[in-house]
PDB file of all heavy atoms in Angstrom:
ATOM      1  N   ALA A   1      -0.595  -6.072   3.375  1.00  0.00           N
ATOM      2  CA  ALA A   1       0.009  -5.815   4.632  1.00  0.00           C
ATOM      3  C   ALA A   1      -0.212  -7.029   5.527  1.00  0.00           C
ATOM      4  O   ALA A   1      -1.154  -7.706   5.425  1.00  0.00           O
ATOM      5  CB  ALA A   1      -0.735  -4.694   5.278  1.00  0.00           C
ATOM      6  N   ASP A   2       0.888  -7.344   6.243  1.00  0.00           N
ATOM      7  CA  ASP A   2       0.833  -8.394   7.275  1.00  0.00           C
ATOM      8  C   ASP A   2       1.254  -7.818   8.597  1.00  0.00           C
ATOM      9  O   ASP A   2       1.317  -6.556   8.743  1.00  0.00           O
ATOM     10  CB  ASP A   2       1.723  -9.537   6.868  1.00  0.00           C
ATOM     11  CG  ASP A   2       3.202  -9.073   6.725  1.00  0.00           C
ATOM     12  OD1 ASP A   2       3.560  -7.937   7.103  1.00  0.00           O
ATOM     13  OD2 ASP A   2       4.055  -9.884   6.098  1.00  0.00           O
ATOM     14  N   ASP A   3       1.409  -8.634   9.586  1.00  0.00           N
ATOM     15  CA  ASP A   3       1.744  -8.127  10.965  1.00  0.00           C
ATOM     16  C   ASP A   3       3.079  -7.338  10.943  1.00  0.00           C
ATOM     17  O   ASP A   3       4.032  -7.701  10.301  1.00  0.00           O
ATOM     18  CB  ASP A   3       1.910  -9.414  11.960  1.00  0.00           C
ATOM     19  CG  ASP A   3       0.615 -10.023  12.154  1.00  0.00           C
ATOM     20  OD1 ASP A   3      -0.527  -9.462  11.932  1.00  0.00           O
ATOM     21  OD2 ASP A   3       0.641 -11.242  12.574  1.00  0.00           O
ATOM     22  N   GLY A   4       2.998  -6.273  11.623  1.00  0.00           N
ATOM     23  CA  GLY A   4       4.198  -5.407  11.744  1.00  0.00           C
ATOM     24  C   GLY A   4       4.216  -4.261  10.754  1.00  0.00           C
ATOM     25  O   GLY A   4       4.999  -3.375  10.838  1.00  0.00           O
ATOM     26  N   VAL A   5       3.319  -4.260   9.798  1.00  0.00           N
ATOM     27  CA  VAL A   5       3.216  -3.163   8.788  1.00  0.00           C
ATOM     28  C   VAL A   5       2.532  -1.957   9.341  1.00  0.00           C
ATOM     29  O   VAL A   5       1.600  -2.067  10.133  1.00  0.00           O
ATOM     30  CB  VAL A   5       2.521  -3.576   7.539  1.00  0.00           C
ATOM     31  CG1 VAL A   5       2.166  -2.370   6.603  1.00  0.00           C
ATOM     32  CG2 VAL A   5       3.381  -4.536   6.779  1.00  0.00           C
ATOM     33  N   ASP A   6       3.165  -0.843   9.229  1.00  0.00           N
ATOM     34  CA  ASP A   6       2.539   0.458   9.719  1.00  0.00           C
ATOM     35  C   ASP A   6       1.550   0.906   8.734  1.00  0.00           C
ATOM     36  O   ASP A   6       1.920   1.587   7.621  1.00  0.00           O
ATOM     37  CB  ASP A   6       3.619   1.484   9.940  1.00  0.00           C
ATOM     38  CG  ASP A   6       3.107   2.809  10.339  1.00  0.00           C
ATOM     39  OD1 ASP A   6       1.896   2.896  10.691  1.00  0.00           O
ATOM     40  OD2 ASP A   6       3.845   3.869  10.497  1.00  0.00           O
ATOM     41  N   LEU A   7       0.246   0.678   8.994  1.00  0.00           N
ATOM     42  CA  LEU A   7      -0.825   1.082   8.054  1.00  0.00           C
ATOM     43  C   LEU A   7      -0.937   2.608   7.903  1.00  0.00           C
ATOM     44  O   LEU A   7      -1.636   3.069   7.025  1.00  0.00           O
ATOM     45  CB  LEU A   7      -2.078   0.473   8.470  1.00  0.00           C
ATOM     46  CG  LEU A   7      -2.132  -1.093   8.446  1.00  0.00           C
ATOM     47  CD1 LEU A   7      -3.370  -1.588   9.059  1.00  0.00           C
ATOM     48  CD2 LEU A   7      -1.870  -1.704   7.126  1.00  0.00           C
ATOM     49  N   ASN A   8      -0.333   3.321   8.800  1.00  0.00           N
ATOM     50  CA  ASN A   8      -0.405   4.872   8.687  1.00  0.00           C
ATOM     51  C   ASN A   8       0.816   5.448   8.025  1.00  0.00           C
ATOM     52  O   ASN A   8       0.858   6.627   8.003  1.00  0.00           O
ATOM     53  CB  ASN A   8      -0.711   5.406  10.041  1.00  0.00           C
ATOM     54  CG  ASN A   8      -1.969   5.018  10.730  1.00  0.00           C
ATOM     55  OD1 ASN A   8      -3.007   5.091  10.105  1.00  0.00           O
ATOM     56  ND2 ASN A   8      -1.905   4.460  11.948  1.00  0.00           N
ATOM     57  N   GLU A   9       1.724   4.642   7.510  1.00  0.00           N
ATOM     58  CA  GLU A   9       2.874   5.167   6.861  1.00  0.00           C
ATOM     59  C   GLU A   9       2.475   5.962   5.708  1.00  0.00           C
ATOM     60  O   GLU A   9       1.563   5.668   4.866  1.00  0.00           O
ATOM     61  CB  GLU A   9       3.780   3.947   6.430  1.00  0.00           C
ATOM     62  CG  GLU A   9       5.183   4.407   5.833  1.00  0.00           C
ATOM     63  CD  GLU A   9       6.024   3.432   5.439  1.00  0.00           C
ATOM     64  OE1 GLU A   9       5.656   2.221   5.439  1.00  0.00           O
ATOM     65  OE2 GLU A   9       7.165   3.730   4.870  1.00  0.00           O
ATOM     66  N   LYS A  10       3.196   7.069   5.533  1.00  0.00           N
ATOM     67  CA  LYS A  10       2.947   8.033   4.442  1.00  0.00           C
ATOM     68  C   LYS A  10       4.191   8.126   3.438  1.00  0.00           C
ATOM     69  O   LYS A  10       5.201   7.752   3.788  1.00  0.00           O
ATOM     70  CB  LYS A  10       2.820   9.508   5.011  1.00  0.00           C
ATOM     71  CG  LYS A  10       1.880   9.658   6.231  1.00  0.00           C
ATOM     72  CD  LYS A  10       0.479   9.444   5.794  1.00  0.00           C
ATOM     73  CE  LYS A  10      -0.465   9.939   6.803  1.00  0.00           C
ATOM     74  NZ  LYS A  10      -0.348   9.421   8.271  1.00  0.00           N
ATOM     75  N   ARG A  11       3.760   8.288   2.164  1.00  0.00           N
ATOM     76  CA  ARG A  11       4.857   8.453   1.266  1.00  0.00           C
ATOM     77  C   ARG A  11       5.578   9.845   1.464  1.00  0.00           C
ATOM     78  O   ARG A  11       5.024  10.820   1.971  1.00  0.00           O
ATOM     79  CB  ARG A  11       4.305   8.504  -0.157  1.00  0.00           C
ATOM     80  CG  ARG A  11       3.326   9.591  -0.602  1.00  0.00           C
ATOM     81  CD  ARG A  11       2.626   9.304  -1.938  1.00  0.00           C
ATOM     82  NE  ARG A  11       1.811  10.424  -2.381  1.00  0.00           N
ATOM     83  CZ  ARG A  11       1.094  10.484  -3.337  1.00  0.00           C
ATOM     84  NH1 ARG A  11       0.866   9.324  -4.062  1.00  0.00           N
ATOM     85  NH2 ARG A  11       0.378  11.516  -3.803  1.00  0.00           N
ATOM     86  N   PRO A  12       6.907   9.861   1.182  1.00  0.00           N
ATOM     87  CA  PRO A  12       7.725  10.814   1.656  1.00  0.00           C
ATOM     88  C   PRO A  12       7.554  12.312   1.074  1.00  0.00           C
ATOM     89  O   PRO A  12       7.820  13.270   1.827  1.00  0.00           O
ATOM     90  CB  PRO A  12       9.215  10.353   1.357  1.00  0.00           C
ATOM     91  CG  PRO A  12       9.001   9.431   0.297  1.00  0.00           C
ATOM     92  CD  PRO A  12       7.678   8.788   0.497  1.00  0.00           C
ATOM     93  N   TRP A  13       7.001  12.413  -0.097  1.00  0.00           N
ATOM     94  CA  TRP A  13       7.047  13.673  -0.781  1.00  0.00           C
ATOM     95  C   TRP A  13       5.811  14.523  -0.443  1.00  0.00           C
ATOM     96  O   TRP A  13       5.800  15.747  -0.632  1.00  0.00           O
ATOM     97  CB  TRP A  13       7.180  13.534  -2.248  1.00  0.00           C
ATOM     98  CG  TRP A  13       6.124  12.807  -3.023  1.00  0.00           C
ATOM     99  CD1 TRP A  13       4.978  13.333  -3.570  1.00  0.00           C
ATOM    100  CD2 TRP A  13       6.127  11.404  -3.304  1.00  0.00           C
ATOM    101  NE1 TRP A  13       4.322  12.360  -4.211  1.00  0.00           N
ATOM    102  CE2 TRP A  13       5.009  11.144  -3.976  1.00  0.00           C
ATOM    103  CE3 TRP A  13       7.000  10.342  -2.978  1.00  0.00           C
ATOM    104  CZ2 TRP A  13       4.558   9.869  -4.465  1.00  0.00           C
ATOM    105  CZ3 TRP A  13       6.693   8.998  -3.430  1.00  0.00           C
ATOM    106  CH2 TRP A  13       5.441   8.819  -4.109  1.00  0.00           C
ATOM    107  N   ASP A  14       4.679  13.962   0.096  1.00  0.00           N
ATOM    108  CA  ASP A  14       3.496  14.791   0.327  1.00  0.00           C
ATOM    109  C   ASP A  14       2.643  14.199   1.436  1.00  0.00           C
ATOM    110  O   ASP A  14       1.519  14.663   1.717  1.00  0.00           O
ATOM    111  CB  ASP A  14       2.625  14.944  -1.008  1.00  0.00           C
ATOM    112  CG  ASP A  14       2.116  13.568  -1.542  1.00  0.00           C
ATOM    113  OD1 ASP A  14       2.285  12.662  -0.939  1.00  0.00           O
ATOM    114  OD2 ASP A  14       1.361  13.777  -2.461  1.00  0.00           O
ATOM    115  N   ASN A  15       3.114  13.138   2.060  1.00  0.00           N
ATOM    116  CA  ASN A  15       2.416  12.516   3.258  1.00  0.00           C
ATOM    117  C   ASN A  15       1.072  11.959   3.060  1.00  0.00           C
ATOM    118  O   ASN A  15       0.137  12.008   3.893  1.00  0.00           O
ATOM    119  CB  ASN A  15       2.248  13.677   4.459  1.00  0.00           C
ATOM    120  CG  ASN A  15       3.639  14.016   5.053  1.00  0.00           C
ATOM    121  OD1 ASN A  15       4.437  13.039   5.256  1.00  0.00           O
ATOM    122  ND2 ASN A  15       3.857  15.248   5.328  1.00  0.00           N
ATOM    123  N   GLU A  16       0.900  11.490   1.835  1.00  0.00           N
ATOM    124  CA  GLU A  16      -0.354  10.628   1.515  1.00  0.00           C
ATOM    125  C   GLU A  16      -0.143   9.264   1.908  1.00  0.00           C
ATOM    126  O   GLU A  16       1.014   8.738   1.785  1.00  0.00           O
ATOM    127  CB  GLU A  16      -0.628  10.790   0.028  1.00  0.00           C
ATOM    128  CG  GLU A  16      -1.153  12.121  -0.553  1.00  0.00           C
ATOM    129  CD  GLU A  16      -2.490  12.487  -0.052  1.00  0.00           C
ATOM    130  OE1 GLU A  16      -3.305  11.609   0.302  1.00  0.00           O
ATOM    131  OE2 GLU A  16      -2.734  13.703   0.059  1.00  0.00           O
ATOM    132  N   VAL A  17      -1.143   8.575   2.405  1.00  0.00           N
ATOM    133  CA  VAL A  17      -1.086   7.236   2.779  1.00  0.00           C
ATOM    134  C   VAL A  17      -0.699   6.239   1.675  1.00  0.00           C
ATOM    135  O   VAL A  17      -1.048   6.479   0.517  1.00  0.00           O
ATOM    136  CB  VAL A  17      -2.294   6.654   3.524  1.00  0.00           C
ATOM    137  CG1 VAL A  17      -2.615   7.489   4.759  1.00  0.00           C
ATOM    138  CG2 VAL A  17      -3.488   6.693   2.570  1.00  0.00           C
ATOM    139  N   ILE A  18       0.017   5.197   2.053  1.00  0.00           N
ATOM    140  CA  ILE A  18       0.440   4.238   1.002  1.00  0.00           C
ATOM    141  C   ILE A  18      -0.386   2.795   1.091  1.00  0.00           C
ATOM    142  O   ILE A  18      -0.275   1.995   0.187  1.00  0.00           O
ATOM    143  CB  ILE A  18       1.933   4.014   1.068  1.00  0.00           C
ATOM    144  CG1 ILE A  18       2.377   3.523   2.330  1.00  0.00           C
ATOM    145  CG2 ILE A  18       2.676   5.334   0.594  1.00  0.00           C
ATOM    146  CD1 ILE A  18       3.972   3.172   2.395  1.00  0.00           C
ATOM    147  N   TRP A  19      -1.075   2.657   2.301  1.00  0.00           N
ATOM    148  CA  TRP A  19      -1.792   1.381   2.469  1.00  0.00           C
ATOM    149  C   TRP A  19      -3.209   1.681   2.423  1.00  0.00           C
ATOM    150  O   TRP A  19      -3.779   2.751   2.980  1.00  0.00           O
ATOM    151  CB  TRP A  19      -1.408   0.781   3.747  1.00  0.00           C
ATOM    152  CG  TRP A  19      -0.009   0.195   3.767  1.00  0.00           C
ATOM    153  CD1 TRP A  19       1.095   0.753   4.290  1.00  0.00           C
ATOM    154  CD2 TRP A  19       0.437  -1.082   3.165  1.00  0.00           C
ATOM    155  NE1 TRP A  19       2.179  -0.068   4.048  1.00  0.00           N
ATOM    156  CE2 TRP A  19       1.797  -1.161   3.416  1.00  0.00           C
ATOM    157  CE3 TRP A  19      -0.275  -2.133   2.471  1.00  0.00           C
ATOM    158  CZ2 TRP A  19       2.537  -2.239   2.971  1.00  0.00           C
ATOM    159  CZ3 TRP A  19       0.481  -3.143   2.020  1.00  0.00           C
ATOM    160  CH2 TRP A  19       1.804  -3.221   2.294  1.00  0.00           C
ATOM    161  N   HIS A  20      -4.049   0.769   1.734  1.00  0.00           N
ATOM    162  CA  HIS A  20      -5.448   1.085   1.510  1.00  0.00           C
ATOM    163  C   HIS A  20      -6.290  -0.022   1.777  1.00  0.00           C
ATOM    164  O   HIS A  20      -5.949  -1.309   1.494  1.00  0.00           O
ATOM    165  CB  HIS A  20      -5.614   1.509   0.015  1.00  0.00           C
ATOM    166  CG  HIS A  20      -4.734   2.498  -0.453  1.00  0.00           C
ATOM    167  ND1 HIS A  20      -4.974   3.917  -0.228  1.00  0.00           N
ATOM    168  CD2 HIS A  20      -3.512   2.415  -1.034  1.00  0.00           C
ATOM    169  CE1 HIS A  20      -3.899   4.535  -0.652  1.00  0.00           C
ATOM    170  NE2 HIS A  20      -3.052   3.779  -1.178  1.00  0.00           N
ATOM    171  N   PRO A  21      -7.410   0.160   2.439  1.00  0.00           N
ATOM    172  CA  PRO A  21      -8.215  -1.050   2.967  1.00  0.00           C
ATOM    173  C   PRO A  21      -9.194  -1.586   1.781  1.00  0.00           C
ATOM    174  O   PRO A  21      -9.678  -0.897   1.023  1.00  0.00           O
ATOM    175  CB  PRO A  21      -9.133  -0.411   4.116  1.00  0.00           C
ATOM    176  CG  PRO A  21      -9.232   0.999   3.691  1.00  0.00           C
ATOM    177  CD  PRO A  21      -7.970   1.418   2.920  1.00  0.00           C
ATOM    178  N   TYR A  22      -9.423  -2.932   1.933  1.00  0.00           N
ATOM    179  CA  TYR A  22     -10.399  -3.475   1.027  1.00  0.00           C
ATOM    180  C   TYR A  22     -10.942  -4.854   1.788  1.00  0.00           C
ATOM    181  O   TYR A  22     -10.109  -5.805   1.970  1.00  0.00           O
ATOM    182  CB  TYR A  22      -9.914  -3.845  -0.298  1.00  0.00           C
ATOM    183  CG  TYR A  22     -10.941  -4.357  -1.192  1.00  0.00           C
ATOM    184  CD1 TYR A  22     -11.654  -3.451  -2.034  1.00  0.00           C
ATOM    185  CD2 TYR A  22     -11.413  -5.704  -1.272  1.00  0.00           C
ATOM    186  CE1 TYR A  22     -12.653  -3.876  -2.911  1.00  0.00           C
ATOM    187  CE2 TYR A  22     -12.347  -6.024  -2.181  1.00  0.00           C
ATOM    188  CZ  TYR A  22     -13.053  -5.115  -3.000  1.00  0.00           C
ATOM    189  OH  TYR A  22     -13.996  -5.575  -3.771  1.00  0.00           O
ATOM    190  N   ASN A  23     -12.152  -4.883   2.263  1.00  0.00           N
ATOM    191  CA  ASN A  23     -12.772  -6.009   2.895  1.00  0.00           C
ATOM    192  C   ASN A  23     -12.012  -6.574   3.970  1.00  0.00           C
ATOM    193  O   ASN A  23     -11.706  -7.862   4.017  1.00  0.00           O
ATOM    194  CB  ASN A  23     -13.098  -7.067   1.822  1.00  0.00           C
ATOM    195  CG  ASN A  23     -14.295  -6.639   0.985  1.00  0.00           C
ATOM    196  OD1 ASN A  23     -15.019  -5.797   1.310  1.00  0.00           O
ATOM    197  ND2 ASN A  23     -14.611  -7.408   0.004  1.00  0.00           N
ATOM    198  N   GLY A  24     -11.433  -5.690   4.818  1.00  0.00           N
ATOM    199  CA  GLY A  24     -10.660  -6.292   5.953  1.00  0.00           C
ATOM    200  C   GLY A  24      -9.158  -6.422   5.691  1.00  0.00           C
ATOM    201  O   GLY A  24      -8.429  -6.743   6.589  1.00  0.00           O
ATOM    202  N   ARG A  25      -8.754  -6.336   4.464  1.00  0.00           N
ATOM    203  CA  ARG A  25      -7.331  -6.348   4.052  1.00  0.00           C
ATOM    204  C   ARG A  25      -6.806  -5.031   3.630  1.00  0.00           C
ATOM    205  O   ARG A  25      -7.579  -4.124   3.257  1.00  0.00           O
ATOM    206  CB  ARG A  25      -7.141  -7.460   3.027  1.00  0.00           C
ATOM    207  CG  ARG A  25      -7.477  -8.923   3.483  1.00  0.00           C
ATOM    208  CD  ARG A  25      -7.244  -9.812   2.305  1.00  0.00           C
ATOM    209  NE  ARG A  25      -5.799 -10.144   2.163  1.00  0.00           N
ATOM    210  CZ  ARG A  25      -5.272 -10.755   1.183  1.00  0.00           C
ATOM    211  NH1 ARG A  25      -5.976 -11.301   0.353  1.00  0.00           N
ATOM    212  NH2 ARG A  25      -3.935 -10.965   1.155  1.00  0.00           N
ATOM    213  N   TRP A  26      -5.471  -4.956   3.605  1.00  0.00           N
ATOM    214  CA  TRP A  26      -4.833  -3.709   3.175  1.00  0.00           C
ATOM    215  C   TRP A  26      -3.865  -3.980   2.071  1.00  0.00           C
ATOM    216  O   TRP A  26      -3.099  -4.914   2.189  1.00  0.00           O
ATOM    217  CB  TRP A  26      -4.108  -3.003   4.421  1.00  0.00           C
ATOM    218  CG  TRP A  26      -5.048  -2.521   5.455  1.00  0.00           C
ATOM    219  CD1 TRP A  26      -5.663  -3.369   6.380  1.00  0.00           C
ATOM    220  CD2 TRP A  26      -5.446  -1.217   5.754  1.00  0.00           C
ATOM    221  NE1 TRP A  26      -6.437  -2.611   7.228  1.00  0.00           N
ATOM    222  CE2 TRP A  26      -6.263  -1.265   6.867  1.00  0.00           C
ATOM    223  CE3 TRP A  26      -5.103   0.115   5.207  1.00  0.00           C
ATOM    224  CZ2 TRP A  26      -6.827  -0.106   7.412  1.00  0.00           C
ATOM    225  CZ3 TRP A  26      -5.675   1.093   5.797  1.00  0.00           C
ATOM    226  CH2 TRP A  26      -6.481   1.096   6.825  1.00  0.00           C
ATOM    227  N   TYR A  27      -3.928  -3.178   1.049  1.00  0.00           N
ATOM    228  CA  TYR A  27      -3.070  -3.383  -0.168  1.00  0.00           C
ATOM    229  C   TYR A  27      -2.208  -2.074  -0.300  1.00  0.00           C
ATOM    230  O   TYR A  27      -2.648  -0.981   0.070  1.00  0.00           O
ATOM    231  CB  TYR A  27      -3.811  -3.734  -1.376  1.00  0.00           C
ATOM    232  CG  TYR A  27      -4.751  -2.578  -1.891  1.00  0.00           C
ATOM    233  CD1 TYR A  27      -4.272  -1.668  -2.773  1.00  0.00           C
ATOM    234  CD2 TYR A  27      -6.151  -2.626  -1.479  1.00  0.00           C
ATOM    235  CE1 TYR A  27      -5.215  -0.671  -3.253  1.00  0.00           C
ATOM    236  CE2 TYR A  27      -6.930  -1.686  -1.890  1.00  0.00           C
ATOM    237  CZ  TYR A  27      -6.537  -0.711  -2.766  1.00  0.00           C
ATOM    238  OH  TYR A  27      -7.379   0.342  -3.201  1.00  0.00           O
ATOM    239  N   TYR A  28      -1.089  -2.342  -0.978  1.00  0.00           N
ATOM    240  CA  TYR A  28      -0.046  -1.211  -1.174  1.00  0.00           C
ATOM    241  C   TYR A  28      -0.433  -0.446  -2.370  1.00  0.00           C
ATOM    242  O   TYR A  28      -0.543  -1.162  -3.484  1.00  0.00           O
ATOM    243  CB  TYR A  28       1.298  -1.861  -1.253  1.00  0.00           C
ATOM    244  CG  TYR A  28       2.459  -0.879  -1.314  1.00  0.00           C
ATOM    245  CD1 TYR A  28       2.822   0.019  -0.323  1.00  0.00           C
ATOM    246  CD2 TYR A  28       3.122  -0.723  -2.428  1.00  0.00           C
ATOM    247  CE1 TYR A  28       3.917   0.894  -0.429  1.00  0.00           C
ATOM    248  CE2 TYR A  28       4.311   0.142  -2.603  1.00  0.00           C
ATOM    249  CZ  TYR A  28       4.680   0.951  -1.522  1.00  0.00           C
ATOM    250  OH  TYR A  28       5.637   1.796  -1.592  1.00  0.00           O
ATOM    251  N   GLY A  29      -0.414   0.788  -2.367  1.00  0.00           N
ATOM    252  CA  GLY A  29      -0.694   1.657  -3.529  1.00  0.00           C
ATOM    253  C   GLY A  29      -0.025   3.063  -3.277  1.00  0.00           C
ATOM    254  O   GLY A  29      -0.718   3.891  -2.757  1.00  0.00           O
ATOM    255  N   VAL A  30       1.132   3.198  -3.717  1.00  0.00           N
ATOM    256  CA  VAL A  30       1.889   4.359  -3.368  1.00  0.00           C
ATOM    257  C   VAL A  30       1.370   5.637  -4.210  1.00  0.00           C
ATOM    258  O   VAL A  30       1.457   6.803  -3.637  1.00  0.00           O
ATOM    259  CB  VAL A  30       3.364   4.309  -3.774  1.00  0.00           C
ATOM    260  CG1 VAL A  30       3.723   4.297  -5.201  1.00  0.00           C
ATOM    261  CG2 VAL A  30       4.256   5.298  -2.947  1.00  0.00           C
ATOM    262  N   PHE A  31       0.631   5.361  -5.297  1.00  0.00           N
ATOM    263  CA  PHE A  31      -0.004   6.490  -6.016  1.00  0.00           C
ATOM    264  C   PHE A  31      -1.480   6.542  -5.751  1.00  0.00           C
ATOM    265  O   PHE A  31      -2.242   7.163  -6.554  1.00  0.00           O
ATOM    266  CB  PHE A  31       0.313   6.402  -7.528  1.00  0.00           C
ATOM    267  CG  PHE A  31       1.713   6.631  -7.822  1.00  0.00           C
ATOM    268  CD1 PHE A  31       2.556   5.484  -8.187  1.00  0.00           C
ATOM    269  CD2 PHE A  31       2.351   7.860  -7.700  1.00  0.00           C
ATOM    270  CE1 PHE A  31       3.885   5.734  -8.376  1.00  0.00           C
ATOM    271  CE2 PHE A  31       3.717   8.107  -7.960  1.00  0.00           C
ATOM    272  CZ  PHE A  31       4.457   6.975  -8.307  1.00  0.00           C
ATOM    273  N   GLY A  32      -1.990   6.042  -4.682  1.00  0.00           N
ATOM    274  CA  GLY A  32      -3.423   6.113  -4.294  1.00  0.00           C
ATOM    275  C   GLY A  32      -4.108   4.791  -4.390  1.00  0.00           C
ATOM    276  O   GLY A  32      -3.683   3.755  -4.983  1.00  0.00           O
ATOM    277  N   GLY A  33      -5.332   4.819  -3.737  1.00  0.00           N
ATOM    278  CA  GLY A  33      -6.104   3.553  -3.586  1.00  0.00           C
ATOM    279  C   GLY A  33      -6.622   3.038  -4.911  1.00  0.00           C
ATOM    280  O   GLY A  33      -6.807   1.903  -5.126  1.00  0.00           O
ATOM    281  N   SER A  34      -6.745   3.951  -5.900  1.00  0.00           N
ATOM    282  CA  SER A  34      -7.349   3.519  -7.185  1.00  0.00           C
ATOM    283  C   SER A  34      -6.203   2.926  -8.069  1.00  0.00           C
ATOM    284  O   SER A  34      -6.461   2.463  -9.189  1.00  0.00           O
ATOM    285  CB  SER A  34      -7.939   4.763  -8.003  1.00  0.00           C
ATOM    286  OG  SER A  34      -6.875   5.668  -8.240  1.00  0.00           O
ATOM    287  N   SER A  35      -4.936   2.833  -7.592  1.00  0.00           N
ATOM    288  CA  SER A  35      -3.815   2.346  -8.360  1.00  0.00           C
ATOM    289  C   SER A  35      -2.902   1.414  -7.495  1.00  0.00           C
ATOM    290  O   SER A  35      -1.803   1.819  -7.156  1.00  0.00           O
ATOM    291  CB  SER A  35      -2.966   3.603  -8.950  1.00  0.00           C
ATOM    292  OG  SER A  35      -3.662   4.452  -9.667  1.00  0.00           O
ATOM    293  N   PRO A  36      -3.414   0.203  -7.281  1.00  0.00           N
ATOM    294  CA  PRO A  36      -2.576  -0.731  -6.544  1.00  0.00           C
ATOM    295  C   PRO A  36      -1.190  -1.004  -7.231  1.00  0.00           C
ATOM    296  O   PRO A  36      -1.237  -1.288  -8.423  1.00  0.00           O
ATOM    297  CB  PRO A  36      -3.494  -1.939  -6.382  1.00  0.00           C
ATOM    298  CG  PRO A  36      -4.522  -1.798  -7.508  1.00  0.00           C
ATOM    299  CD  PRO A  36      -4.665  -0.315  -7.674  1.00  0.00           C
ATOM    300  N   ASP A  37      -0.215  -1.101  -6.493  1.00  0.00           N
ATOM    301  CA  ASP A  37       1.183  -1.354  -6.968  1.00  0.00           C
ATOM    302  C   ASP A  37       1.277  -2.805  -7.352  1.00  0.00           C
ATOM    303  O   ASP A  37       0.665  -3.713  -6.636  1.00  0.00           O
ATOM    304  CB  ASP A  37       2.188  -1.096  -5.998  1.00  0.00           C
ATOM    305  CG  ASP A  37       2.624   0.340  -5.947  1.00  0.00           C
ATOM    306  OD1 ASP A  37       1.666   1.198  -6.084  1.00  0.00           O
ATOM    307  OD2 ASP A  37       3.836   0.677  -5.948  1.00  0.00           O
ATOM    308  N   LEU A  38       1.921  -3.095  -8.429  1.00  0.00           N
ATOM    309  CA  LEU A  38       2.193  -4.544  -8.809  1.00  0.00           C
ATOM    310  C   LEU A  38       3.420  -5.081  -8.067  1.00  0.00           C
ATOM    311  O   LEU A  38       4.342  -4.266  -7.647  1.00  0.00           O
ATOM    312  CB  LEU A  38       2.571  -4.554 -10.293  1.00  0.00           C
ATOM    313  CG  LEU A  38       1.316  -4.474 -11.295  1.00  0.00           C
ATOM    314  CD1 LEU A  38       1.666  -4.208 -12.632  1.00  0.00           C
ATOM    315  CD2 LEU A  38       0.382  -5.554 -11.099  1.00  0.00           C
ATOM    316  N   ASN A  39       3.381  -6.355  -7.699  1.00  0.00           N
ATOM    317  CA  ASN A  39       4.450  -6.980  -6.994  1.00  0.00           C
ATOM    318  C   ASN A  39       5.483  -7.641  -7.938  1.00  0.00           C
ATOM    319  O   ASN A  39       5.373  -8.684  -8.432  1.00  0.00           O
ATOM    320  CB  ASN A  39       3.909  -8.046  -6.008  1.00  0.00           C
ATOM    321  CG  ASN A  39       4.927  -8.916  -5.359  1.00  0.00           C
ATOM    322  OD1 ASN A  39       6.107  -8.444  -5.150  1.00  0.00           O
ATOM    323  ND2 ASN A  39       4.564 -10.034  -4.932  1.00  0.00           N
ATOM    324  N   TYR A  40       6.609  -6.841  -8.147  1.00  0.00           N
ATOM    325  CA  TYR A  40       7.668  -7.416  -9.056  1.00  0.00           C
ATOM    326  C   TYR A  40       8.541  -8.399  -8.469  1.00  0.00           C
ATOM    327  O   TYR A  40       9.523  -8.856  -9.085  1.00  0.00           O
ATOM    328  CB  TYR A  40       8.246  -6.190  -9.786  1.00  0.00           C
ATOM    329  CG  TYR A  40       7.539  -5.599 -10.912  1.00  0.00           C
ATOM    330  CD1 TYR A  40       6.729  -4.493 -10.670  1.00  0.00           C
ATOM    331  CD2 TYR A  40       7.514  -6.135 -12.131  1.00  0.00           C
ATOM    332  CE1 TYR A  40       5.959  -3.948 -11.742  1.00  0.00           C
ATOM    333  CE2 TYR A  40       6.773  -5.725 -13.197  1.00  0.00           C
ATOM    334  CZ  TYR A  40       5.972  -4.561 -12.928  1.00  0.00           C
ATOM    335  OH  TYR A  40       5.165  -4.013 -13.982  1.00  0.00           O
ATOM    336  N   GLU A  41       8.349  -8.640  -7.205  1.00  0.00           N
ATOM    337  CA  GLU A  41       9.048  -9.815  -6.591  1.00  0.00           C
ATOM    338  C   GLU A  41       8.614 -11.145  -7.307  1.00  0.00           C
ATOM    339  O   GLU A  41       9.195 -12.111  -7.119  1.00  0.00           O
ATOM    340  CB  GLU A  41       8.863  -9.907  -5.135  1.00  0.00           C
ATOM    341  CG  GLU A  41       9.401  -8.631  -4.327  1.00  0.00           C
ATOM    342  CD  GLU A  41      10.931  -8.542  -4.340  1.00  0.00           C
ATOM    343  OE1 GLU A  41      11.578  -9.469  -4.851  1.00  0.00           O
ATOM    344  OE2 GLU A  41      11.414  -7.504  -3.814  1.00  0.00           O
ATOM    345  N   ASN A  42       7.340 -11.113  -7.713  1.00  0.00           N
ATOM    346  CA  ASN A  42       6.769 -12.200  -8.474  1.00  0.00           C
ATOM    347  C   ASN A  42       7.226 -12.220  -9.975  1.00  0.00           C
ATOM    348  O   ASN A  42       6.977 -11.289 -10.652  1.00  0.00           O
ATOM    349  CB  ASN A  42       5.165 -12.108  -8.358  1.00  0.00           C
ATOM    350  CG  ASN A  42       4.451 -13.238  -9.068  1.00  0.00           C
ATOM    351  OD1 ASN A  42       5.026 -13.972  -9.757  1.00  0.00           O
ATOM    352  ND2 ASN A  42       3.149 -13.272  -8.752  1.00  0.00           N
ATOM    353  N   GLU A  43       7.891 -13.249 -10.293  1.00  0.00           N
ATOM    354  CA  GLU A  43       8.500 -13.301 -11.662  1.00  0.00           C
ATOM    355  C   GLU A  43       7.374 -13.391 -12.737  1.00  0.00           C
ATOM    356  O   GLU A  43       7.666 -12.860 -13.804  1.00  0.00           O
ATOM    357  CB  GLU A  43       9.400 -14.581 -11.764  1.00  0.00           C
ATOM    358  CG  GLU A  43      10.334 -14.538 -12.945  1.00  0.00           C
ATOM    359  CD  GLU A  43      11.209 -13.359 -13.050  1.00  0.00           C
ATOM    360  OE1 GLU A  43      11.656 -12.933 -11.973  1.00  0.00           O
ATOM    361  OE2 GLU A  43      11.461 -12.833 -14.144  1.00  0.00           O
ATOM    362  N   LYS A  44       6.191 -13.749 -12.468  1.00  0.00           N
ATOM    363  CA  LYS A  44       5.159 -13.741 -13.458  1.00  0.00           C
ATOM    364  C   LYS A  44       4.704 -12.342 -13.727  1.00  0.00           C
ATOM    365  O   LYS A  44       4.347 -12.110 -14.925  1.00  0.00           O
ATOM    366  CB  LYS A  44       3.942 -14.603 -12.828  1.00  0.00           C
ATOM    367  CG  LYS A  44       4.101 -16.109 -12.822  1.00  0.00           C
ATOM    368  CD  LYS A  44       2.892 -16.847 -12.387  1.00  0.00           C
ATOM    369  CE  LYS A  44       3.046 -18.374 -12.690  1.00  0.00           C
ATOM    370  NZ  LYS A  44       4.165 -18.863 -12.099  1.00  0.00           N
TER     371      LYS A  44
END
C-alpha cells in the first residue's frame, strides 16, 4: 500500500479486508493475511 490506498477496502463477495499490516507496512492479500498476493506486473 502507498498513499491513497483505502486500507479498509473489502473484497466484494464477503466483505473481508484485502490489506494486511506487517511492521508498519500493508500488503495485499485478497485471500487473507496468510496468503499474500504475488505481483504479476513484475515479469520475474
